[in-house]
């Protein structure tokens, strides 16, 4: 019995599928060329508490996820145009933690 020969294209497609499955199981960044440890990323309609994807800090924002909490915010103008890659809640919390809203008049 001989195995059917795979074309190079079919083999490449199979190999990409295996790599994607392996990266998902190891919680690595979903970006093609990146093997960094990924943070949990959640879609709005996904199962609560179960990550839908994993992205590293560098690639999370470009995929539409908040770099801090992992919530999907792609398509929201303030997120897409923001420079921090954080959702509104995380950005506000970060600014509050760094004292941006403190005024000298209170002291």
N, C-alpha and C. Protein backbone atom coordinates (compact mmCIF):
# COMPACT_ATOMS: atom_id res chain seq x y z
N UNK A 1 0.85 -1.17 0.00
CA UNK A 1 0.00 0.00 0.00
C UNK A 1 0.89 1.23 0.00
N UNK A 2 0.61 2.13 -0.88
CA UNK A 2 1.40 3.35 -0.93
C UNK A 2 0.55 4.53 -0.46
N UNK A 3 1.21 5.46 0.18
CA UNK A 3 0.53 6.66 0.65
C UNK A 3 0.41 7.65 -0.50
N UNK A 4 -0.69 8.36 -0.57
CA UNK A 4 -0.81 9.36 -1.63
C UNK A 4 0.22 10.45 -1.40
N UNK A 5 0.78 10.92 -2.47
CA UNK A 5 1.78 11.97 -2.33
C UNK A 5 1.09 13.31 -2.07
N UNK A 6 1.67 14.06 -1.19
CA UNK A 6 1.15 15.38 -0.88
C UNK A 6 1.85 16.42 -1.74
N UNK A 7 1.10 17.33 -2.22
CA UNK A 7 1.73 18.43 -2.93
C UNK A 7 2.38 19.33 -1.90
N UNK A 8 3.30 20.15 -2.32
CA UNK A 8 3.98 21.05 -1.40
C UNK A 8 2.98 21.99 -0.73
N UNK A 9 2.00 22.44 -1.49
CA UNK A 9 0.99 23.35 -0.95
C UNK A 9 0.16 22.67 0.14
N UNK A 10 -0.25 21.45 -0.10
CA UNK A 10 -1.03 20.71 0.90
C UNK A 10 -0.20 20.45 2.15
N UNK A 11 1.06 20.12 1.97
CA UNK A 11 1.94 19.88 3.12
C UNK A 11 2.14 21.16 3.92
N UNK A 12 2.34 22.28 3.24
CA UNK A 12 2.51 23.56 3.93
C UNK A 12 1.25 23.92 4.72
N UNK A 13 0.10 23.69 4.12
CA UNK A 13 -1.16 23.97 4.78
C UNK A 13 -1.32 23.08 6.02
N UNK A 14 -0.98 21.81 5.91
CA UNK A 14 -1.04 20.89 7.03
C UNK A 14 -0.08 21.34 8.14
N UNK A 15 1.12 21.72 7.77
CA UNK A 15 2.12 22.14 8.73
C UNK A 15 1.68 23.41 9.46
N UNK A 16 1.08 24.37 8.75
CA UNK A 16 0.56 25.59 9.40
C UNK A 16 -0.51 25.24 10.42
N UNK A 17 -1.34 24.28 10.10
CA UNK A 17 -2.38 23.84 11.03
C UNK A 17 -1.79 23.22 12.29
N UNK A 18 -0.75 22.41 12.13
CA UNK A 18 -0.09 21.79 13.28
C UNK A 18 0.57 22.85 14.14
N UNK A 19 1.24 23.82 13.53
CA UNK A 19 1.91 24.89 14.28
C UNK A 19 0.87 25.72 15.03
N UNK A 20 -0.25 26.05 14.39
CA UNK A 20 -1.31 26.83 15.05
C UNK A 20 -1.87 26.07 16.25
N UNK A 21 -2.10 24.77 16.08
CA UNK A 21 -2.61 23.95 17.18
C UNK A 21 -1.61 23.91 18.33
N UNK A 22 -0.33 23.73 18.01
CA UNK A 22 0.71 23.67 19.03
C UNK A 22 0.84 25.00 19.78
N UNK A 23 0.81 26.10 19.05
CA UNK A 23 0.89 27.41 19.68
C UNK A 23 -0.30 27.65 20.60
N UNK A 24 -1.48 27.20 20.18
CA UNK A 24 -2.69 27.36 21.00
C UNK A 24 -2.56 26.54 22.29
N UNK A 25 -2.09 25.32 22.18
CA UNK A 25 -1.95 24.46 23.35
C UNK A 25 -0.90 24.99 24.33
N UNK A 26 0.13 25.63 23.82
CA UNK A 26 1.21 26.15 24.66
C UNK A 26 0.98 27.60 25.09
N UNK A 27 -0.16 28.17 24.68
CA UNK A 27 -0.52 29.56 25.01
C UNK A 27 0.54 30.54 24.52
N UNK A 28 0.98 30.34 23.31
CA UNK A 28 1.94 31.24 22.67
C UNK A 28 1.20 32.27 21.83
N UNK A 29 1.86 33.36 21.54
CA UNK A 29 1.27 34.44 20.75
C UNK A 29 0.74 33.89 19.43
N UNK A 30 -0.46 34.33 19.06
CA UNK A 30 -1.10 33.84 17.83
C UNK A 30 -0.52 34.47 16.57
N UNK A 31 0.33 35.48 16.70
CA UNK A 31 0.98 36.09 15.54
C UNK A 31 1.89 35.04 14.88
N UNK A 32 1.88 34.98 13.56
CA UNK A 32 2.57 33.91 12.83
C UNK A 32 4.02 33.69 13.23
N UNK A 33 4.83 34.72 13.23
CA UNK A 33 6.27 34.56 13.44
C UNK A 33 6.69 34.72 14.89
N UNK A 34 5.75 34.82 15.81
CA UNK A 34 6.08 35.09 17.22
C UNK A 34 5.84 33.85 18.08
N UNK A 35 6.80 33.54 18.93
CA UNK A 35 6.67 32.39 19.84
C UNK A 35 6.72 32.82 21.30
N UNK A 36 6.49 34.12 21.57
CA UNK A 36 6.50 34.59 22.96
C UNK A 36 5.28 34.06 23.70
N UNK A 37 5.39 34.01 25.02
CA UNK A 37 4.26 33.62 25.86
C UNK A 37 3.15 34.63 25.67
N UNK A 38 1.95 34.17 25.45
CA UNK A 38 0.83 35.06 25.21
C UNK A 38 -0.01 35.28 26.44
N UNK A 39 -0.65 36.45 26.51
CA UNK A 39 -1.60 36.76 27.58
C UNK A 39 -2.99 36.33 27.12
N UNK A 40 -3.84 36.03 28.09
CA UNK A 40 -5.21 35.63 27.77
C UNK A 40 -5.95 36.77 27.08
N UNK A 41 -6.64 36.46 25.97
CA UNK A 41 -7.42 37.44 25.23
C UNK A 41 -8.83 36.90 25.06
N UNK A 42 -9.80 37.78 25.28
CA UNK A 42 -11.20 37.37 25.32
C UNK A 42 -12.04 38.11 24.30
N UNK A 43 -12.87 37.37 23.57
CA UNK A 43 -13.84 37.97 22.65
C UNK A 43 -15.12 38.24 23.43
N UNK A 44 -15.91 39.24 23.02
CA UNK A 44 -17.13 39.58 23.76
C UNK A 44 -18.15 38.44 23.85
N UNK A 45 -18.24 37.62 22.82
CA UNK A 45 -19.24 36.54 22.83
C UNK A 45 -18.64 35.19 23.21
N UNK A 46 -17.42 35.17 23.71
CA UNK A 46 -16.78 33.93 24.12
C UNK A 46 -17.26 33.45 25.47
N UNK A 47 -16.82 32.27 25.86
CA UNK A 47 -17.18 31.72 27.16
C UNK A 47 -16.50 32.54 28.26
N UNK A 48 -17.24 32.94 29.29
CA UNK A 48 -16.63 33.72 30.37
C UNK A 48 -15.49 32.94 31.05
N UNK A 49 -14.36 33.59 31.21
CA UNK A 49 -13.22 32.99 31.89
C UNK A 49 -12.38 32.05 31.04
N UNK A 50 -12.79 31.82 29.80
CA UNK A 50 -12.05 30.93 28.91
C UNK A 50 -11.45 31.77 27.78
N UNK A 51 -10.12 31.89 27.73
CA UNK A 51 -9.50 32.72 26.69
C UNK A 51 -9.79 32.19 25.28
N UNK A 52 -10.02 33.11 24.37
CA UNK A 52 -10.26 32.74 22.97
C UNK A 52 -8.96 32.66 22.19
N UNK A 53 -8.00 33.51 22.55
CA UNK A 53 -6.70 33.55 21.88
C UNK A 53 -5.65 34.01 22.88
N UNK A 54 -4.41 33.92 22.47
CA UNK A 54 -3.31 34.43 23.27
C UNK A 54 -2.43 35.31 22.38
N UNK A 55 -2.09 36.49 22.89
CA UNK A 55 -1.19 37.41 22.19
C UNK A 55 -0.18 37.98 23.18
N UNK A 56 1.03 38.19 22.71
CA UNK A 56 2.04 38.82 23.54
C UNK A 56 1.75 40.32 23.62
N UNK A 57 2.49 41.01 24.50
CA UNK A 57 2.28 42.45 24.70
C UNK A 57 2.42 43.23 23.39
N UNK A 58 3.38 42.85 22.59
CA UNK A 58 3.66 43.58 21.35
C UNK A 58 2.53 43.46 20.32
N UNK A 59 1.92 42.29 20.21
CA UNK A 59 0.94 42.05 19.15
C UNK A 59 -0.52 42.15 19.60
N UNK A 60 -0.79 42.25 20.89
CA UNK A 60 -2.18 42.28 21.38
C UNK A 60 -2.96 43.46 20.81
N UNK A 61 -2.40 44.65 20.89
CA UNK A 61 -3.13 45.85 20.44
C UNK A 61 -3.39 45.82 18.93
N UNK A 62 -2.45 45.34 18.15
CA UNK A 62 -2.66 45.31 16.70
C UNK A 62 -3.73 44.28 16.31
N UNK A 63 -3.98 43.31 17.19
CA UNK A 63 -5.04 42.32 16.95
C UNK A 63 -6.38 42.79 17.52
N UNK A 64 -6.39 43.93 18.21
CA UNK A 64 -7.63 44.49 18.74
C UNK A 64 -7.89 44.20 20.20
N UNK A 65 -6.91 43.63 20.91
CA UNK A 65 -7.08 43.30 22.32
C UNK A 65 -6.36 44.30 23.21
N UNK A 66 -6.93 44.56 24.39
CA UNK A 66 -6.28 45.41 25.37
C UNK A 66 -5.03 44.71 25.88
N UNK A 67 -3.93 45.44 25.96
CA UNK A 67 -2.67 44.84 26.42
C UNK A 67 -2.70 44.46 27.89
N UNK A 68 -3.61 45.04 28.65
CA UNK A 68 -3.64 44.79 30.09
C UNK A 68 -4.66 43.71 30.47
N UNK A 69 -5.93 43.93 30.15
CA UNK A 69 -6.97 42.98 30.59
C UNK A 69 -7.31 41.93 29.54
N UNK A 70 -6.92 42.14 28.29
CA UNK A 70 -7.16 41.14 27.24
C UNK A 70 -8.53 41.20 26.59
N UNK A 71 -9.35 42.20 26.93
CA UNK A 71 -10.68 42.29 26.31
C UNK A 71 -10.54 42.79 24.88
N UNK A 72 -11.44 42.32 24.01
CA UNK A 72 -11.40 42.73 22.61
C UNK A 72 -12.04 44.10 22.47
N UNK A 73 -11.30 45.04 21.89
CA UNK A 73 -11.78 46.41 21.72
C UNK A 73 -11.58 46.90 20.30
N UNK A 74 -11.26 46.03 19.37
CA UNK A 74 -11.04 46.43 17.99
C UNK A 74 -12.28 47.07 17.40
N UNK A 75 -12.09 48.15 16.67
CA UNK A 75 -13.21 48.85 16.05
C UNK A 75 -13.75 49.99 16.88
N UNK A 76 -13.32 50.10 18.13
CA UNK A 76 -13.72 51.23 18.98
C UNK A 76 -12.72 52.34 18.72
N UNK A 77 -13.21 53.50 18.30
CA UNK A 77 -12.33 54.57 17.84
C UNK A 77 -11.30 54.97 18.87
N UNK A 78 -11.71 55.10 20.14
CA UNK A 78 -10.77 55.53 21.17
C UNK A 78 -9.66 54.50 21.37
N UNK A 79 -9.95 53.21 21.14
CA UNK A 79 -8.94 52.17 21.27
C UNK A 79 -8.04 52.15 20.03
N UNK A 80 -8.65 52.19 18.85
CA UNK A 80 -7.89 52.14 17.61
C UNK A 80 -6.97 53.34 17.44
N UNK A 81 -7.41 54.49 17.93
CA UNK A 81 -6.62 55.71 17.77
C UNK A 81 -5.73 55.99 18.97
N UNK A 82 -5.91 55.24 20.04
CA UNK A 82 -5.10 55.45 21.24
C UNK A 82 -3.68 54.96 21.02
N UNK A 83 -2.77 55.56 21.71
CA UNK A 83 -1.37 55.19 21.53
C UNK A 83 -0.90 54.13 22.53
N UNK A 84 -1.69 53.89 23.56
CA UNK A 84 -1.24 53.00 24.63
C UNK A 84 -1.56 51.53 24.38
N UNK A 85 -2.58 51.24 23.58
CA UNK A 85 -3.00 49.85 23.37
C UNK A 85 -3.80 49.32 24.54
N UNK A 86 -4.31 50.24 25.38
CA UNK A 86 -5.13 49.86 26.53
C UNK A 86 -6.57 50.27 26.28
N UNK A 87 -7.51 49.49 26.82
CA UNK A 87 -8.92 49.88 26.72
C UNK A 87 -9.16 51.10 27.62
N UNK A 88 -10.32 51.70 27.51
CA UNK A 88 -10.61 52.91 28.28
C UNK A 88 -10.49 52.67 29.78
N UNK A 89 -11.00 51.53 30.26
CA UNK A 89 -10.94 51.25 31.70
C UNK A 89 -9.49 51.10 32.18
N UNK A 90 -8.70 50.33 31.48
CA UNK A 90 -7.31 50.12 31.88
C UNK A 90 -6.48 51.39 31.75
N UNK A 91 -6.75 52.17 30.69
CA UNK A 91 -6.04 53.43 30.51
C UNK A 91 -6.36 54.40 31.66
N UNK A 92 -7.63 54.50 32.03
CA UNK A 92 -8.03 55.36 33.14
C UNK A 92 -7.38 54.90 34.44
N UNK A 93 -7.40 53.58 34.68
CA UNK A 93 -6.81 53.04 35.91
C UNK A 93 -5.31 53.32 35.96
N UNK A 94 -4.63 53.17 34.84
CA UNK A 94 -3.19 53.43 34.79
C UNK A 94 -2.91 54.90 35.08
N UNK A 95 -3.70 55.78 34.46
CA UNK A 95 -3.49 57.22 34.67
C UNK A 95 -3.80 57.61 36.11
N UNK A 96 -4.81 56.99 36.72
CA UNK A 96 -5.13 57.27 38.12
C UNK A 96 -4.02 56.76 39.04
N UNK A 97 -3.49 55.58 38.75
CA UNK A 97 -2.42 55.00 39.57
C UNK A 97 -1.14 55.83 39.50
N UNK A 98 -0.90 56.47 38.38
CA UNK A 98 0.32 57.27 38.24
C UNK A 98 0.13 58.71 38.73
N UNK A 99 -1.06 59.03 39.22
CA UNK A 99 -1.31 60.34 39.81
C UNK A 99 -1.65 61.43 38.83
N UNK A 100 -2.05 61.08 37.63
CA UNK A 100 -2.36 62.10 36.63
C UNK A 100 -3.54 62.97 37.04
N UNK A 101 -4.47 62.42 37.81
CA UNK A 101 -5.66 63.16 38.20
C UNK A 101 -5.51 63.88 39.54
N UNK A 102 -4.38 63.67 40.21
CA UNK A 102 -4.15 64.36 41.48
C UNK A 102 -3.86 65.83 41.20
N UNK A 103 -4.41 66.68 42.03
CA UNK A 103 -4.11 68.11 41.88
C UNK A 103 -3.43 68.61 43.14
N UNK A 104 -2.64 69.62 42.99
CA UNK A 104 -1.92 70.20 44.12
C UNK A 104 -2.85 70.93 45.07
N UNK A 105 -4.03 71.29 44.61
CA UNK A 105 -4.98 72.03 45.45
C UNK A 105 -5.50 71.19 46.60
N UNK A 106 -5.50 69.88 46.45
CA UNK A 106 -6.03 69.00 47.49
C UNK A 106 -5.09 68.88 48.67
N UNK A 107 -3.87 69.31 48.54
CA UNK A 107 -2.88 69.10 49.61
C UNK A 107 -2.62 70.35 50.38
